[in-house]
């Protein structure tokens, strides 16, 4: 059974850690999975990722950023996501369309609908079957990043707290806009409980 599941949330929400644990669990339970991420996931898309997240690209215009994300997303879908779904696999993706809507549409002030229109062109209207939103106070997430010396620090991590608050607000707004595919996970819990809540939401869609 093919299923397109996306993992969303602010910086330091723990979604990437949970994603890897869920991938391991699904495989152990007999599901064929594809673990991937955005921006990136394929060689061309990863090259675009390097441009977007490079800490030296401080002059990048907001619309340029949104268009680069959409370009990376398109290539990722063509090369990796769509083929996997056609093969009946469960695709687990670290960020997707909703990140663009929250970060560029909301926090950058470009407008959610404006960014959505660009991405509907890029994705040919491909929405996830399930979106898990790992919700967390931005201050908590950023403190986790500061404490984790092994984590990649990118250009978005360096934004001020108001930016991260705007991202969270935008994500919560998207959860209300798309209740049929969104499940909000309280990320301010022990990791085992966060994993349990997330896996339960996924199993409900796989039945």
Protein backbone atom coordinates (compact mmCIF):
# COMPACT_ATOMS: atom_id res chain seq x y z
CA UNK A 1 0.00 0.00 0.00
CA UNK A 2 1.54 3.30 -1.09
CA UNK A 3 1.38 6.22 1.30
CA UNK A 4 3.07 9.62 1.19
CA UNK A 5 3.82 10.79 4.74
CA UNK A 6 5.50 14.10 5.51
CA UNK A 7 7.13 15.19 8.75
CA UNK A 8 6.87 18.91 9.52
CA UNK A 9 7.80 21.23 12.35
CA UNK A 10 10.05 24.06 13.43
CA UNK A 11 13.78 23.90 13.98
CA UNK A 12 14.77 21.45 16.72
CA UNK A 13 11.36 19.79 16.95
CA UNK A 14 12.89 16.31 16.74
CA UNK A 15 10.97 15.29 13.63
CA UNK A 16 14.07 13.96 11.83
CA UNK A 17 14.97 11.70 14.76
CA UNK A 18 11.42 10.34 14.97
CA UNK A 19 11.32 9.85 11.20
CA UNK A 20 14.34 7.53 11.30
CA UNK A 21 12.88 5.54 14.20
CA UNK A 22 9.56 5.17 12.39
CA UNK A 23 11.32 4.03 9.22
CA UNK A 24 13.06 1.29 11.20
CA UNK A 25 9.79 0.23 12.86
CA UNK A 26 7.81 0.14 9.62
CA UNK A 27 10.48 -1.98 7.96
CA UNK A 28 10.48 -4.35 10.93
CA UNK A 29 6.70 -4.60 10.58
CA UNK A 30 7.02 -5.63 6.94
CA UNK A 31 6.40 -2.37 5.05
CA UNK A 32 8.55 -1.25 2.12
CA UNK A 33 9.65 2.30 2.84
CA UNK A 34 11.60 5.10 1.21
CA UNK A 35 13.24 7.57 3.58
CA UNK A 36 13.98 10.96 2.07
CA UNK A 37 14.16 14.70 2.78
CA UNK A 38 13.55 18.17 1.40
CA UNK A 39 15.15 20.16 0.12
CA UNK A 40 17.21 17.37 -1.36
CA UNK A 41 16.68 13.65 -1.72
CA UNK A 42 18.26 13.37 -5.18
CA UNK A 43 21.61 14.65 -6.53
CA UNK A 44 20.18 17.66 -8.36
CA UNK A 45 17.83 18.54 -5.51
CA UNK A 46 20.71 18.26 -3.01
CA UNK A 47 22.73 20.75 -5.05
CA UNK A 48 19.84 23.21 -4.82
CA UNK A 49 19.66 22.50 -1.06
CA UNK A 50 23.28 23.55 -0.67
CA UNK A 51 22.51 26.92 -2.26
CA UNK A 52 19.39 27.50 -0.16
CA UNK A 53 20.91 26.65 3.21
CA UNK A 54 24.41 28.07 2.72
CA UNK A 55 25.02 30.43 5.66
CA UNK A 56 26.94 32.81 3.39
CA UNK A 57 23.88 33.46 1.19
CA UNK A 58 22.49 36.14 3.49
CA UNK A 59 21.33 38.33 0.58
CA UNK A 60 18.97 35.72 -0.84
CA UNK A 61 15.62 37.27 -1.72
CA UNK A 62 12.51 35.66 -0.23
CA UNK A 63 10.98 34.89 -3.62
CA UNK A 64 14.24 33.43 -4.87
CA UNK A 65 14.23 31.17 -1.81
CA UNK A 66 10.65 30.06 -2.46
CA UNK A 67 11.36 29.32 -6.12
CA UNK A 68 14.50 27.33 -5.30
CA UNK A 69 12.55 25.19 -2.84
CA UNK A 70 9.88 24.56 -5.48
CA UNK A 71 12.51 23.63 -8.08
CA UNK A 72 14.19 21.21 -5.69
CA UNK A 73 10.79 19.75 -4.80
CA UNK A 74 9.88 19.14 -8.43
CA UNK A 75 13.09 17.25 -9.13
CA UNK A 76 12.67 15.21 -5.96
CA UNK A 77 9.15 14.17 -6.92
CA UNK A 78 10.12 13.22 -10.47
CA UNK A 79 13.16 11.17 -9.53
CA UNK A 80 12.22 9.64 -6.20
CA UNK A 81 8.77 10.17 -4.68
CA UNK A 82 6.46 9.45 -7.61
CA UNK A 83 8.36 6.29 -8.70
CA UNK A 84 8.30 4.94 -5.11
CA UNK A 85 4.56 5.56 -4.76
CA UNK A 86 3.91 3.81 -8.08
CA UNK A 87 5.79 0.81 -6.68
CA UNK A 88 3.44 0.72 -3.67
CA UNK A 89 5.98 1.91 -1.11
CA UNK A 90 5.52 4.11 1.96
CA UNK A 91 7.41 7.36 1.42
CA UNK A 92 8.60 9.11 4.59
CA UNK A 93 9.70 12.65 3.79
CA UNK A 94 11.45 15.09 6.14
CA UNK A 95 9.66 18.33 5.10
CA UNK A 96 7.64 19.01 1.96
CA UNK A 97 5.18 21.55 0.60
CA UNK A 98 3.95 22.76 4.00
CA UNK A 99 7.43 23.94 4.98
CA UNK A 100 7.40 26.34 2.05
CA UNK A 101 3.94 27.55 3.02
CA UNK A 102 5.02 28.11 6.64
CA UNK A 103 8.53 29.49 6.14
CA UNK A 104 8.25 31.50 2.93
CA UNK A 105 4.49 32.05 2.81
CA UNK A 106 4.07 32.80 6.51
CA UNK A 107 7.34 33.84 8.14
CA UNK A 108 8.81 35.55 5.06
CA UNK A 109 5.52 37.31 4.43
CA UNK A 110 5.14 36.21 0.81
CA UNK A 111 1.61 34.94 1.43
CA UNK A 112 0.60 31.32 1.86
CA UNK A 113 -1.57 31.28 -1.24
CA UNK A 114 1.15 32.88 -3.40
CA UNK A 115 3.66 30.22 -2.38
CA UNK A 116 1.02 27.51 -2.73
CA UNK A 117 0.35 28.50 -6.34
CA UNK A 118 4.04 28.23 -7.23
CA UNK A 119 4.21 24.81 -5.62
CA UNK A 120 1.01 23.51 -7.19
CA UNK A 121 2.69 24.17 -10.56
CA UNK A 122 5.89 22.44 -9.42
CA UNK A 123 4.18 19.42 -7.86
CA UNK A 124 1.20 19.07 -10.21
CA UNK A 125 -1.01 19.25 -7.14
CA UNK A 126 0.64 16.39 -5.22
CA UNK A 127 -0.31 16.61 -1.54
CA UNK A 128 0.79 14.17 1.17
CA UNK A 129 -1.65 11.52 2.38
CA UNK A 130 -0.63 12.31 5.96
CA UNK A 131 1.28 15.21 7.51
CA UNK A 132 2.64 14.90 11.03
CA UNK A 133 3.28 18.30 12.61
CA UNK A 134 5.75 18.10 15.49
CA UNK A 135 4.68 21.12 17.50
CA UNK A 136 7.07 22.75 19.96
CA UNK A 137 7.77 26.18 21.45
CA UNK A 138 10.52 27.70 19.24
CA UNK A 139 12.66 28.61 22.25
CA UNK A 140 12.78 24.94 23.24
CA UNK A 141 13.67 23.83 19.74
CA UNK A 142 16.46 26.36 19.35
CA UNK A 143 17.91 25.43 22.73
CA UNK A 144 18.03 21.81 21.57
CA UNK A 145 19.97 22.87 18.49
CA UNK A 146 22.42 24.86 20.58
CA UNK A 147 23.01 21.83 22.80
CA UNK A 148 23.53 19.42 19.88
CA UNK A 149 27.02 20.01 18.53
CA UNK A 150 26.61 17.30 15.88
CA UNK A 151 23.64 18.94 14.18
CA UNK A 152 24.07 20.90 10.97
CA UNK A 153 23.47 24.61 11.60
CA UNK A 154 21.95 26.20 8.49
CA UNK A 155 20.89 29.67 7.42
CA UNK A 156 17.35 29.29 8.79
CA UNK A 157 18.62 28.36 12.26
CA UNK A 158 20.20 31.82 12.44
CA UNK A 159 16.88 33.69 12.09
CA UNK A 160 15.55 35.69 15.05
CA UNK A 161 12.97 34.23 17.42
CA UNK A 162 10.13 36.26 15.86
CA UNK A 163 10.74 34.41 12.60
CA UNK A 164 10.50 31.02 14.30
CA UNK A 165 7.33 32.07 16.16
CA UNK A 166 5.81 33.06 12.82
CA UNK A 167 6.75 29.66 11.37
CA UNK A 168 5.00 27.87 14.22
CA UNK A 169 1.91 30.04 13.87
CA UNK A 170 1.79 29.35 10.14
CA UNK A 171 2.08 25.58 10.65
CA UNK A 172 -0.78 25.61 13.16
CA UNK A 173 -2.83 27.60 10.68
CA UNK A 174 -2.13 25.00 8.00
CA UNK A 175 -3.26 22.24 10.37
CA UNK A 176 -6.62 24.00 10.61
CA UNK A 177 -6.76 24.53 6.86
CA UNK A 178 -6.01 20.85 6.05
CA UNK A 179 -7.51 18.87 8.96
CA UNK A 180 -8.08 15.80 6.79
CA UNK A 181 -4.34 15.12 6.43
CA UNK A 182 -2.77 16.84 9.45
CA UNK A 183 -2.06 15.26 12.82
CA UNK A 184 -0.46 17.48 15.46
CA UNK A 185 2.11 15.70 17.63
CA UNK A 186 3.17 17.26 20.93
CA UNK A 187 6.96 17.31 20.49
CA UNK A 188 7.57 18.55 24.04
CA UNK A 189 7.39 15.03 25.48
CA UNK A 190 9.89 12.21 26.08
CA UNK A 191 11.07 10.87 22.73
CA UNK A 192 9.45 7.46 23.27
CA UNK A 193 6.04 9.11 23.76
CA UNK A 194 6.50 11.31 20.69
CA UNK A 195 7.40 8.21 18.68
CA UNK A 196 4.39 6.31 20.03
CA UNK A 197 1.98 9.12 19.11
CA UNK A 198 3.45 9.47 15.63
CA UNK A 199 3.48 5.75 14.88
CA UNK A 200 -0.12 5.37 16.06
CA UNK A 201 -1.19 8.11 13.63
CA UNK A 202 0.60 6.37 10.76
CA UNK A 203 -0.85 2.95 11.49
CA UNK A 204 -4.33 4.45 11.47
CA UNK A 205 -3.76 5.45 7.82
CA UNK A 206 -2.15 2.16 6.81
CA UNK A 207 -5.09 0.01 7.92
